[in-house]
Amino acid sequence: MEAVQLRVQALDSLLRSHAGGLALQSFDERGVVRVRFTGMCVGCELRPVTAARVVAPALRALAGVTAVEFAGGRVSEHAQAALEASAGCADLQAILRAVRRREEDA
């Protein structure tokens, strides 16, 4: 749970640089993380992209996390899969490096 909280805080820190944010709602025994966007992310048209290409992969990279759910607006599983597939491996690695730097600074 601590690793999930730290990762959400790091992602929140990155999103706050754009006046948005991320909050942890729950992490259950099945490994399902539920988060919600805050701030300007709530009404942002790019929220599905951020969810699929930044937040979900960064959280799923943690041991024990089996799924990531988002409270609020829904993106179809098909759209989410398409967005995730369009993200290059190099993009994800760069994102994870940035998130890990934020975790180290926390």
PDB file of N, CA and C in Angstrom:
ATOM      1  N   MET A   1       0.825  -1.197   0.000  1.00  0.00           N
ATOM      2  CA  MET A   1       0.000   0.000   0.000  1.00  0.00           C
ATOM      3  C   MET A   1       0.865   1.255   0.000  1.00  0.00           C
ATOM      4  N   GLU A   2       1.976   1.189   0.728  1.00  0.00           N
ATOM      5  CA  GLU A   2       2.838   2.362   0.807  1.00  0.00           C
ATOM      6  C   GLU A   2       3.416   2.727  -0.559  1.00  0.00           C
ATOM      7  N   ALA A   3       3.811   1.725  -1.335  1.00  0.00           N
ATOM      8  CA  ALA A   3       4.359   1.980  -2.673  1.00  0.00           C
ATOM      9  C   ALA A   3       3.306   2.608  -3.575  1.00  0.00           C
ATOM     10  N   VAL A   4       2.069   2.153  -3.451  1.00  0.00           N
ATOM     11  CA  VAL A   4       0.977   2.716  -4.254  1.00  0.00           C
ATOM     12  C   VAL A   4       0.741   4.167  -3.859  1.00  0.00           C
ATOM     13  N   GLN A   5       0.715   4.441  -2.561  1.00  0.00           N
ATOM     14  CA  GLN A   5       0.517   5.818  -2.101  1.00  0.00           C
ATOM     15  C   GLN A   5       1.635   6.727  -2.599  1.00  0.00           C
ATOM     16  N   LEU A   6       2.856   6.243  -2.501  1.00  0.00           N
ATOM     17  CA  LEU A   6       4.001   7.033  -2.958  1.00  0.00           C
ATOM     18  C   LEU A   6       3.925   7.291  -4.458  1.00  0.00           C
ATOM     19  N   ARG A   7       3.542   6.291  -5.239  1.00  0.00           N
ATOM     20  CA  ARG A   7       3.436   6.445  -6.684  1.00  0.00           C
ATOM     21  C   ARG A   7       2.328   7.439  -7.034  1.00  0.00           C
ATOM     22  N   VAL A   8       1.181   7.354  -6.358  1.00  0.00           N
ATOM     23  CA  VAL A   8       0.084   8.296  -6.621  1.00  0.00           C
ATOM     24  C   VAL A   8       0.521   9.714  -6.259  1.00  0.00           C
ATOM     25  N   GLN A   9       1.246   9.868  -5.157  1.00  0.00           N
ATOM     26  CA  GLN A   9       1.746  11.196  -4.785  1.00  0.00           C
ATOM     27  C   GLN A   9       2.697  11.745  -5.840  1.00  0.00           C
ATOM     28  N   ALA A  10       3.553  10.886  -6.378  1.00  0.00           N
ATOM     29  CA  ALA A  10       4.482  11.324  -7.422  1.00  0.00           C
ATOM     30  C   ALA A  10       3.734  11.722  -8.689  1.00  0.00           C
ATOM     31  N   LEU A  11       2.737  10.935  -9.069  1.00  0.00           N
ATOM     32  CA  LEU A  11       1.925  11.282 -10.242  1.00  0.00           C
ATOM     33  C   LEU A  11       1.158  12.572  -9.999  1.00  0.00           C
ATOM     34  N   ASP A  12       0.635  12.729  -8.787  1.00  0.00           N
ATOM     35  CA  ASP A  12      -0.075  13.957  -8.430  1.00  0.00           C
ATOM     36  C   ASP A  12       0.847  15.161  -8.578  1.00  0.00           C
ATOM     37  N   SER A  13       2.076  15.011  -8.135  1.00  0.00           N
ATOM     38  CA  SER A  13       3.048  16.100  -8.242  1.00  0.00           C
ATOM     39  C   SER A  13       3.291  16.485  -9.702  1.00  0.00           C
ATOM     40  N   LEU A  14       3.405  15.489 -10.573  1.00  0.00           N
ATOM     41  CA  LEU A  14       3.582  15.773 -12.001  1.00  0.00           C
ATOM     42  C   LEU A  14       2.359  16.480 -12.578  1.00  0.00           C
ATOM     43  N   LEU A  15       1.171  16.006 -12.219  1.00  0.00           N
ATOM     44  CA  LEU A  15      -0.061  16.599 -12.754  1.00  0.00           C
ATOM     45  C   LEU A  15      -0.301  18.005 -12.212  1.00  0.00           C
ATOM     46  N   ARG A  16       0.150  18.272 -10.984  1.00  0.00           N
ATOM     47  CA  ARG A  16      -0.026  19.618 -10.424  1.00  0.00           C
ATOM     48  C   ARG A  16       0.747  20.667 -11.213  1.00  0.00           C
ATOM     49  N   SER A  17       1.783  20.236 -11.917  1.00  0.00           N
ATOM     50  CA  SER A  17       2.530  21.193 -12.742  1.00  0.00           C
ATOM     51  C   SER A  17       1.668  21.728 -13.876  1.00  0.00           C
ATOM     52  N   HIS A  18       0.527  21.080 -14.115  1.00  0.00           N
ATOM     53  CA  HIS A  18      -0.435  21.519 -15.126  1.00  0.00           C
ATOM     54  C   HIS A  18      -1.770  21.897 -14.485  1.00  0.00           C
ATOM     55  N   ALA A  19      -1.746  22.177 -13.177  1.00  0.00           N
ATOM     56  CA  ALA A  19      -2.933  22.568 -12.397  1.00  0.00           C
ATOM     57  C   ALA A  19      -3.937  21.437 -12.229  1.00  0.00           C
ATOM     58  N   GLY A  20      -3.488  20.211 -12.440  1.00  0.00           N
ATOM     59  CA  GLY A  20      -4.350  19.051 -12.228  1.00  0.00           C
ATOM     60  C   GLY A  20      -3.926  18.309 -10.985  1.00  0.00           C
ATOM     61  N   GLY A  21      -4.362  17.082 -10.874  1.00  0.00           N
ATOM     62  CA  GLY A  21      -3.967  16.282  -9.728  1.00  0.00           C
ATOM     63  C   GLY A  21      -4.549  14.888  -9.788  1.00  0.00           C
ATOM     64  N   LEU A  22      -4.107  14.065  -8.850  1.00  0.00           N
ATOM     65  CA  LEU A  22      -4.554  12.684  -8.762  1.00  0.00           C
ATOM     66  C   LEU A  22      -4.666  12.318  -7.295  1.00  0.00           C
ATOM     67  N   ALA A  23      -5.748  11.619  -6.937  1.00  0.00           N
ATOM     68  CA  ALA A  23      -5.957  11.188  -5.554  1.00  0.00           C
ATOM     69  C   ALA A  23      -6.246   9.694  -5.522  1.00  0.00           C
ATOM     70  N   LEU A  24      -5.683   9.028  -4.527  1.00  0.00           N
ATOM     71  CA  LEU A  24      -5.931   7.601  -4.332  1.00  0.00           C
ATOM     72  C   LEU A  24      -7.253   7.427  -3.607  1.00  0.00           C
ATOM     73  N   GLN A  25      -8.132   6.615  -4.170  1.00  0.00           N
ATOM     74  CA  GLN A  25      -9.393   6.308  -3.502  1.00  0.00           C
ATOM     75  C   GLN A  25      -9.313   4.985  -2.764  1.00  0.00           C
ATOM     76  N   SER A  26      -8.710   3.981  -3.380  1.00  0.00           N
ATOM     77  CA  SER A  26      -8.601   2.692  -2.696  1.00  0.00           C
ATOM     78  C   SER A  26      -7.568   1.803  -3.376  1.00  0.00           C
ATOM     79  N   PHE A  27      -7.129   0.820  -2.618  1.00  0.00           N
ATOM     80  CA  PHE A  27      -6.256  -0.243  -3.117  1.00  0.00           C
ATOM     81  C   PHE A  27      -6.697  -1.497  -2.385  1.00  0.00           C
ATOM     82  N   ASP A  28      -7.309  -2.426  -3.105  1.00  0.00           N
ATOM     83  CA  ASP A  28      -7.910  -3.576  -2.425  1.00  0.00           C
ATOM     84  C   ASP A  28      -7.010  -4.807  -2.444  1.00  0.00           C
ATOM     85  N   GLU A  29      -7.467  -5.850  -1.768  1.00  0.00           N
ATOM     86  CA  GLU A  29      -6.692  -7.085  -1.615  1.00  0.00           C
ATOM     87  C   GLU A  29      -6.484  -7.826  -2.933  1.00  0.00           C
ATOM     88  N   ARG A  30      -7.269  -7.501  -3.953  1.00  0.00           N
ATOM     89  CA  ARG A  30      -7.091  -8.119  -5.275  1.00  0.00           C
ATOM     90  C   ARG A  30      -6.025  -7.400  -6.095  1.00  0.00           C
ATOM     91  N   GLY A  31      -5.524  -6.273  -5.583  1.00  0.00           N
ATOM     92  CA  GLY A  31      -4.522  -5.501  -6.304  1.00  0.00           C
ATOM     93  C   GLY A  31      -5.104  -4.435  -7.203  1.00  0.00           C
ATOM     94  N   VAL A  32      -6.380  -4.109  -7.018  1.00  0.00           N
ATOM     95  CA  VAL A  32      -7.037  -3.091  -7.841  1.00  0.00           C
ATOM     96  C   VAL A  32      -6.857  -1.723  -7.191  1.00  0.00           C
ATOM     97  N   VAL A  33      -6.256  -0.811  -7.940  1.00  0.00           N
ATOM     98  CA  VAL A  33      -6.071   0.566  -7.489  1.00  0.00           C
ATOM     99  C   VAL A  33      -7.175   1.408  -8.109  1.00  0.00           C
ATOM    100  N   ARG A  34      -7.821   2.235  -7.287  1.00  0.00           N
ATOM    101  CA  ARG A  34      -8.849   3.148  -7.789  1.00  0.00           C
ATOM    102  C   ARG A  34      -8.395   4.564  -7.457  1.00  0.00           C
ATOM    103  N   VAL A  35      -8.304   5.396  -8.500  1.00  0.00           N
ATOM    104  CA  VAL A  35      -7.871   6.783  -8.343  1.00  0.00           C
ATOM    105  C   VAL A  35      -8.894   7.715  -8.981  1.00  0.00           C
ATOM    106  N   ARG A  36      -8.779   8.989  -8.644  1.00  0.00           N
ATOM    107  CA  ARG A  36      -9.628   9.992  -9.292  1.00  0.00           C
ATOM    108  C   ARG A  36      -8.769  11.203  -9.622  1.00  0.00           C
ATOM    109  N   PHE A  37      -9.091  11.810 -10.747  1.00  0.00           N
ATOM    110  CA  PHE A  37      -8.414  13.037 -11.143  1.00  0.00           C
ATOM    111  C   PHE A  37      -8.998  14.202 -10.361  1.00  0.00           C
ATOM    112  N   THR A  38      -8.160  15.203 -10.113  1.00  0.00           N
ATOM    113  CA  THR A  38      -8.588  16.403  -9.407  1.00  0.00           C
ATOM    114  C   THR A  38      -8.129  17.630 -10.188  1.00  0.00           C
ATOM    115  N   GLY A  39      -8.539  18.789  -9.717  1.00  0.00           N
ATOM    116  CA  GLY A  39      -8.116  20.039 -10.338  1.00  0.00           C
ATOM    117  C   GLY A  39      -8.548  20.136 -11.789  1.00  0.00           C
ATOM    118  N   MET A  40      -7.689  20.712 -12.603  1.00  0.00           N
ATOM    119  CA  MET A  40      -8.008  20.929 -14.010  1.00  0.00           C
ATOM    120  C   MET A  40      -8.119  19.626 -14.799  1.00  0.00           C
ATOM    121  N   CYS A  41      -7.592  18.538 -14.270  1.00  0.00           N
ATOM    122  CA  CYS A  41      -7.715  17.240 -14.956  1.00  0.00           C
ATOM    123  C   CYS A  41      -9.168  16.795 -15.062  1.00  0.00           C
ATOM    124  N   VAL A  42     -10.004  17.237 -14.120  1.00  0.00           N
ATOM    125  CA  VAL A  42     -11.396  16.786 -14.091  1.00  0.00           C
ATOM    126  C   VAL A  42     -12.105  17.097 -15.405  1.00  0.00           C
ATOM    127  N   GLY A  43     -11.908  18.284 -15.946  1.00  0.00           N
ATOM    128  CA  GLY A  43     -12.597  18.668 -17.170  1.00  0.00           C
ATOM    129  C   GLY A  43     -11.739  18.632 -18.416  1.00  0.00           C
ATOM    130  N   CYS A  44     -10.537  18.116 -18.296  1.00  0.00           N
ATOM    131  CA  CYS A  44      -9.600  18.141 -19.418  1.00  0.00           C
ATOM    132  C   CYS A  44      -9.953  17.097 -20.475  1.00  0.00           C
ATOM    133  N   GLU A  45      -9.903  17.515 -21.721  1.00  0.00           N
ATOM    134  CA  GLU A  45     -10.171  16.598 -22.835  1.00  0.00           C
ATOM    135  C   GLU A  45      -9.094  15.528 -22.979  1.00  0.00           C
ATOM    136  N   LEU A  46      -7.920  15.790 -22.446  1.00  0.00           N
ATOM    137  CA  LEU A  46      -6.820  14.831 -22.557  1.00  0.00           C
ATOM    138  C   LEU A  46      -6.760  13.858 -21.384  1.00  0.00           C
ATOM    139  N   ARG A  47      -7.729  13.925 -20.477  1.00  0.00           N
ATOM    140  CA  ARG A  47      -7.752  13.030 -19.319  1.00  0.00           C
ATOM    141  C   ARG A  47      -7.671  11.555 -19.732  1.00  0.00           C
ATOM    142  N   PRO A  48      -8.403  11.099 -20.761  1.00  0.00           N
ATOM    143  CA  PRO A  48      -8.281   9.682 -21.147  1.00  0.00           C
ATOM    144  C   PRO A  48      -6.865   9.308 -21.592  1.00  0.00           C
ATOM    145  N   VAL A  49      -6.191  10.225 -22.252  1.00  0.00           N
ATOM    146  CA  VAL A  49      -4.821   9.967 -22.692  1.00  0.00           C
ATOM    147  C   VAL A  49      -3.901   9.881 -21.479  1.00  0.00           C
ATOM    148  N   THR A  50      -4.048  10.820 -20.556  1.00  0.00           N
ATOM    149  CA  THR A  50      -3.237  10.809 -19.340  1.00  0.00           C
ATOM    150  C   THR A  50      -3.491   9.538 -18.541  1.00  0.00           C
ATOM    151  N   ALA A  51      -4.751   9.140 -18.454  1.00  0.00           N
ATOM    152  CA  ALA A  51      -5.098   7.922 -17.716  1.00  0.00           C
ATOM    153  C   ALA A  51      -4.447   6.701 -18.351  1.00  0.00           C
ATOM    154  N   ALA A  52      -4.584   6.565 -19.650  1.00  0.00           N
ATOM    155  CA  ALA A  52      -4.125   5.363 -20.349  1.00  0.00           C
ATOM    156  C   ALA A  52      -2.623   5.323 -20.589  1.00  0.00           C
ATOM    157  N   ARG A  53      -2.012   6.482 -20.820  1.00  0.00           N
ATOM    158  CA  ARG A  53      -0.604   6.484 -21.217  1.00  0.00           C
ATOM    159  C   ARG A  53       0.351   6.873 -20.110  1.00  0.00           C
ATOM    160  N   VAL A  54      -0.186   7.425 -19.014  1.00  0.00           N
ATOM    161  CA  VAL A  54       0.683   7.861 -17.919  1.00  0.00           C
ATOM    162  C   VAL A  54       0.316   7.151 -16.617  1.00  0.00           C
ATOM    163  N   VAL A  55      -0.887   7.413 -16.132  1.00  0.00           N
ATOM    164  CA  VAL A  55      -1.266   6.950 -14.797  1.00  0.00           C
ATOM    165  C   VAL A  55      -1.358   5.425 -14.714  1.00  0.00           C
ATOM    166  N   ALA A  56      -2.139   4.811 -15.580  1.00  0.00           N
ATOM    167  CA  ALA A  56      -2.334   3.355 -15.495  1.00  0.00           C
ATOM    168  C   ALA A  56      -1.019   2.586 -15.636  1.00  0.00           C
ATOM    169  N   PRO A  57      -0.192   2.876 -16.643  1.00  0.00           N
ATOM    170  CA  PRO A  57       1.065   2.118 -16.756  1.00  0.00           C
ATOM    171  C   PRO A  57       1.999   2.335 -15.565  1.00  0.00           C
ATOM    172  N   ALA A  58       2.043   3.558 -15.047  1.00  0.00           N
ATOM    173  CA  ALA A  58       2.918   3.840 -13.904  1.00  0.00           C
ATOM    174  C   ALA A  58       2.472   3.068 -12.666  1.00  0.00           C
ATOM    175  N   LEU A  59       1.177   2.949 -12.470  1.00  0.00           N
ATOM    176  CA  LEU A  59       0.677   2.195 -11.317  1.00  0.00           C
ATOM    177  C   LEU A  59       0.801   0.691 -11.533  1.00  0.00           C
ATOM    178  N   ARG A  60       0.513   0.223 -12.745  1.00  0.00           N
ATOM    179  CA  ARG A  60       0.614  -1.212 -13.022  1.00  0.00           C
ATOM    180  C   ARG A  60       2.057  -1.716 -12.964  1.00  0.00           C
ATOM    181  N   ALA A  61       3.018  -0.821 -13.057  1.00  0.00           N
ATOM    182  CA  ALA A  61       4.424  -1.214 -12.965  1.00  0.00           C
ATOM    183  C   ALA A  61       4.813  -1.630 -11.543  1.00  0.00           C
ATOM    184  N   LEU A  62       3.962  -1.328 -10.574  1.00  0.00           N
ATOM    185  CA  LEU A  62       4.237  -1.694  -9.187  1.00  0.00           C
ATOM    186  C   LEU A  62       3.857  -3.150  -8.922  1.00  0.00           C
ATOM    187  N   ALA A  63       4.675  -3.824  -8.152  1.00  0.00           N
ATOM    188  CA  ALA A  63       4.369  -5.201  -7.754  1.00  0.00           C
ATOM    189  C   ALA A  63       3.064  -5.224  -6.968  1.00  0.00           C
ATOM    190  N   GLY A  64       2.218  -6.176  -7.288  1.00  0.00           N
ATOM    191  CA  GLY A  64       0.963  -6.331  -6.562  1.00  0.00           C
ATOM    192  C   GLY A  64      -0.219  -5.618  -7.167  1.00  0.00           C
ATOM    193  N   VAL A  65       0.031  -4.697  -8.102  1.00  0.00           N
ATOM    194  CA  VAL A  65      -1.073  -3.983  -8.750  1.00  0.00           C
ATOM    195  C   VAL A  65      -1.526  -4.801  -9.953  1.00  0.00           C
ATOM    196  N   THR A  66      -2.798  -5.171  -9.954  1.00  0.00           N
ATOM    197  CA  THR A  66      -3.341  -5.990 -11.039  1.00  0.00           C
ATOM    198  C   THR A  66      -4.200  -5.194 -12.011  1.00  0.00           C
ATOM    199  N   ALA A  67      -4.763  -4.083 -11.533  1.00  0.00           N
ATOM    200  CA  ALA A  67      -5.636  -3.265 -12.382  1.00  0.00           C
ATOM    201  C   ALA A  67      -5.715  -1.861 -11.813  1.00  0.00           C
ATOM    202  N   VAL A  68      -6.040  -0.919 -12.696  1.00  0.00           N
ATOM    203  CA  VAL A  68      -6.218   0.473 -12.291  1.00  0.00           C
ATOM    204  C   VAL A  68      -7.581   0.924 -12.783  1.00  0.00           C
ATOM    205  N   GLU A  69      -8.360   1.488 -11.873  1.00  0.00           N
ATOM    206  CA  GLU A  69      -9.683   2.011 -12.211  1.00  0.00           C
ATOM    207  C   GLU A  69      -9.697   3.505 -11.926  1.00  0.00           C
ATOM    208  N   PHE A  70     -10.509   4.212 -12.707  1.00  0.00           N
ATOM    209  CA  PHE A  70     -10.617   5.659 -12.562  1.00  0.00           C
ATOM    210  C   PHE A  70     -12.036   6.033 -12.172  1.00  0.00           C
ATOM    211  N   ALA A  71     -12.165   6.790 -11.103  1.00  0.00           N
ATOM    212  CA  ALA A  71     -13.477   7.289 -10.687  1.00  0.00           C
ATOM    213  C   ALA A  71     -13.856   8.448 -11.597  1.00  0.00           C
ATOM    214  N   GLY A  72     -15.125   8.650 -11.779  1.00  0.00           N
ATOM    215  CA  GLY A  72     -15.583   9.761 -12.616  1.00  0.00           C
ATOM    216  C   GLY A  72     -15.807   9.319 -14.040  1.00  0.00           C
ATOM    217  N   GLY A  73     -15.395  10.165 -14.983  1.00  0.00           N
ATOM    218  CA  GLY A  73     -15.617   9.893 -16.403  1.00  0.00           C
ATOM    219  C   GLY A  73     -15.072   8.547 -16.829  1.00  0.00           C
ATOM    220  N   ARG A  74     -15.773   7.898 -17.690  1.00  0.00           N
ATOM    221  CA  ARG A  74     -15.405   6.559 -18.135  1.00  0.00           C
ATOM    222  C   ARG A  74     -14.872   6.585 -19.560  1.00  0.00           C
ATOM    223  N   VAL A  75     -13.846   5.797 -19.775  1.00  0.00           N
ATOM    224  CA  VAL A  75     -13.297   5.574 -21.107  1.00  0.00           C
ATOM    225  C   VAL A  75     -13.519   4.097 -21.403  1.00  0.00           C
ATOM    226  N   SER A  76     -14.029   3.788 -22.576  1.00  0.00           N
ATOM    227  CA  SER A  76     -14.291   2.385 -22.904  1.00  0.00           C
ATOM    228  C   SER A  76     -12.998   1.577 -22.862  1.00  0.00           C
ATOM    229  N   GLU A  77     -13.133   0.287 -22.588  1.00  0.00           N
ATOM    230  CA  GLU A  77     -11.960  -0.589 -22.553  1.00  0.00           C
ATOM    231  C   GLU A  77     -11.253  -0.602 -23.906  1.00  0.00           C
ATOM    232  N   HIS A  78     -12.024  -0.550 -24.985  1.00  0.00           N
ATOM    233  CA  HIS A  78     -11.447  -0.530 -26.333  1.00  0.00           C
ATOM    234  C   HIS A  78     -10.600   0.731 -26.533  1.00  0.00           C
ATOM    235  N   ALA A  79     -11.152   1.881 -26.152  1.00  0.00           N
ATOM    236  CA  ALA A  79     -10.416   3.142 -26.306  1.00  0.00           C
ATOM    237  C   ALA A  79      -9.177   3.147 -25.426  1.00  0.00           C
ATOM    238  N   GLN A  80      -9.303   2.652 -24.208  1.00  0.00           N
ATOM    239  CA  GLN A  80      -8.161   2.596 -23.299  1.00  0.00           C
ATOM    240  C   GLN A  80      -7.064   1.711 -23.884  1.00  0.00           C
ATOM    241  N   ALA A  81      -7.425   0.558 -24.410  1.00  0.00           N
ATOM    242  CA  ALA A  81      -6.439  -0.349 -24.999  1.00  0.00           C
ATOM    243  C   ALA A  81      -5.754   0.291 -26.202  1.00  0.00           C
ATOM    244  N   ALA A  82      -6.519   0.999 -27.019  1.00  0.00           N
ATOM    245  CA  ALA A  82      -5.942   1.670 -28.188  1.00  0.00           C
ATOM    246  C   ALA A  82      -4.964   2.756 -27.766  1.00  0.00           C
ATOM    247  N   LEU A  83      -5.324   3.518 -26.742  1.00  0.00           N
ATOM    248  CA  LEU A  83      -4.432   4.568 -26.250  1.00  0.00           C
ATOM    249  C   LEU A  83      -3.151   3.969 -25.682  1.00  0.00           C
ATOM    250  N   GLU A  84      -3.287   2.910 -24.899  1.00  0.00           N
ATOM    251  CA  GLU A  84      -2.108   2.273 -24.321  1.00  0.00           C
ATOM    252  C   GLU A  84      -1.211   1.690 -25.402  1.00  0.00           C
ATOM    253  N   ALA A  85      -1.800   1.108 -26.424  1.00  0.00           N
ATOM    254  CA  ALA A  85      -1.021   0.513 -27.508  1.00  0.00           C
ATOM    255  C   ALA A  85      -0.274   1.569 -28.314  1.00  0.00           C
ATOM    256  N   SER A  86      -0.814   2.778 -28.362  1.00  0.00           N
ATOM    257  CA  SER A  86      -0.175   3.832 -29.146  1.00  0.00           C
ATOM    258  C   SER A  86       1.019   4.447 -28.423  1.00  0.00           C
ATOM    259  N   ALA A  87       1.151   4.159 -27.145  1.00  0.00           N
ATOM    260  CA  ALA A  87       2.285   4.695 -26.387  1.00  0.00           C
ATOM    261  C   ALA A  87       3.500   3.818 -26.639  1.00  0.00           C
ATOM    262  N   GLY A  88       4.569   4.443 -27.039  1.00  0.00           N
ATOM    263  CA  GLY A  88       5.792   3.692 -27.269  1.00  0.00           C
ATOM    264  C   GLY A  88       6.447   3.290 -25.967  1.00  0.00           C
ATOM    265  N   CYS A  89       7.228   2.241 -26.003  1.00  0.00           N
ATOM    266  CA  CYS A  89       7.939   1.760 -24.824  1.00  0.00           C
ATOM    267  C   CYS A  89       8.868   2.841 -24.287  1.00  0.00           C
ATOM    268  N   ALA A  90       9.502   3.588 -25.171  1.00  0.00           N
ATOM    269  CA  ALA A  90      10.395   4.662 -24.742  1.00  0.00           C
ATOM    270  C   ALA A  90       9.620   5.736 -23.992  1.00  0.00           C
ATOM    271  N   ASP A  91       8.386   6.034 -24.446  1.00  0.00           N
ATOM    272  CA  ASP A  91       7.551   7.009 -23.748  1.00  0.00           C
ATOM    273  C   ASP A  91       7.288   6.554 -22.320  1.00  0.00           C
ATOM    274  N   LEU A  92       6.909   5.307 -22.152  1.00  0.00           N
ATOM    275  CA  LEU A  92       6.602   4.780 -20.831  1.00  0.00           C
ATOM    276  C   LEU A  92       7.835   4.803 -19.945  1.00  0.00           C
ATOM    277  N   GLN A  93       8.976   4.435 -20.481  1.00  0.00           N
ATOM    278  CA  GLN A  93      10.202   4.442 -19.681  1.00  0.00           C
ATOM    279  C   GLN A  93      10.550   5.855 -19.228  1.00  0.00           C
ATOM    280  N   ALA A  94      10.354   6.839 -20.087  1.00  0.00           N
ATOM    281  CA  ALA A  94      10.611   8.231 -19.711  1.00  0.00           C
ATOM    282  C   ALA A  94       9.651   8.679 -18.615  1.00  0.00           C
ATOM    283  N   ILE A  95       8.405   8.285 -18.731  1.00  0.00           N
ATOM    284  CA  ILE A  95       7.411   8.637 -17.714  1.00  0.00           C
ATOM    285  C   ILE A  95       7.777   7.995 -16.383  1.00  0.00           C
ATOM    286  N   LEU A  96       8.122   6.725 -16.410  1.00  0.00           N
ATOM    287  CA  LEU A  96       8.482   6.038 -15.170  1.00  0.00           C
ATOM    288  C   LEU A  96       9.718   6.652 -14.532  1.00  0.00           C
ATOM    289  N   ARG A  97      10.678   7.087 -15.324  1.00  0.00           N
ATOM    290  CA  ARG A  97      11.855   7.758 -14.763  1.00  0.00           C
ATOM    291  C   ARG A  97      11.455   9.046 -14.062  1.00  0.00           C
ATOM    292  N   ALA A  98      10.574   9.824 -14.690  1.00  0.00           N
ATOM    293  CA  ALA A  98      10.116  11.074 -14.080  1.00  0.00           C
ATOM    294  C   ALA A  98       9.354  10.809 -12.789  1.00  0.00           C
ATOM    295  N   VAL A  99       8.516   9.792 -12.797  1.00  0.00           N
ATOM    296  CA  VAL A  99       7.746   9.450 -11.595  1.00  0.00           C
ATOM    297  C   VAL A  99       8.686   8.991 -10.485  1.00  0.00           C
ATOM    298  N   ARG A 100       9.655   8.177 -10.814  1.00  0.00           N
ATOM    299  CA  ARG A 100      10.594   7.686  -9.790  1.00  0.00           C
ATOM    300  C   ARG A 100      11.418   8.826  -9.200  1.00  0.00           C
ATOM    301  N   ARG A 101      11.776   9.816 -10.017  1.00  0.00           N
ATOM    302  CA  ARG A 101      12.493  10.984  -9.489  1.00  0.00           C
ATOM    303  C   ARG A 101      11.629  11.706  -8.461  1.00  0.00           C
ATOM    304  N   ARG A 102      10.327  11.853  -8.765  1.00  0.00           N
ATOM    305  CA  ARG A 102       9.407  12.497  -7.816  1.00  0.00           C
ATOM    306  C   ARG A 102       9.293  11.680  -6.534  1.00  0.00           C
ATOM    307  N   GLU A 103       9.273  10.357  -6.655  1.00  0.00           N
ATOM    308  CA  GLU A 103       9.197   9.502  -5.469  1.00  0.00           C
ATOM    309  C   GLU A 103      10.437   9.683  -4.601  1.00  0.00           C
ATOM    310  N   GLU A 104      11.598   9.778  -5.226  1.00  0.00           N
ATOM    311  CA  GLU A 104      12.842   9.960  -4.481  1.00  0.00           C
ATOM    312  C   GLU A 104      12.873  11.306  -3.776  1.00  0.00           C
ATOM    313  N   ASP A 105      12.267  12.320  -4.387  1.00  0.00           N
ATOM    314  CA  ASP A 105      12.239  13.658  -3.794  1.00  0.00           C
ATOM    315  C   ASP A 105      11.243  13.772  -2.646  1.00  0.00           C
ATOM    316  N   ALA A 106      10.299  12.829  -2.585  1.00  0.00           N
ATOM    317  CA  ALA A 106       9.242  12.901  -1.551  1.00  0.00           C
ATOM    318  C   ALA A 106       9.783  12.553  -0.183  1.00  0.00           C
TER     319      ALA A 106
END
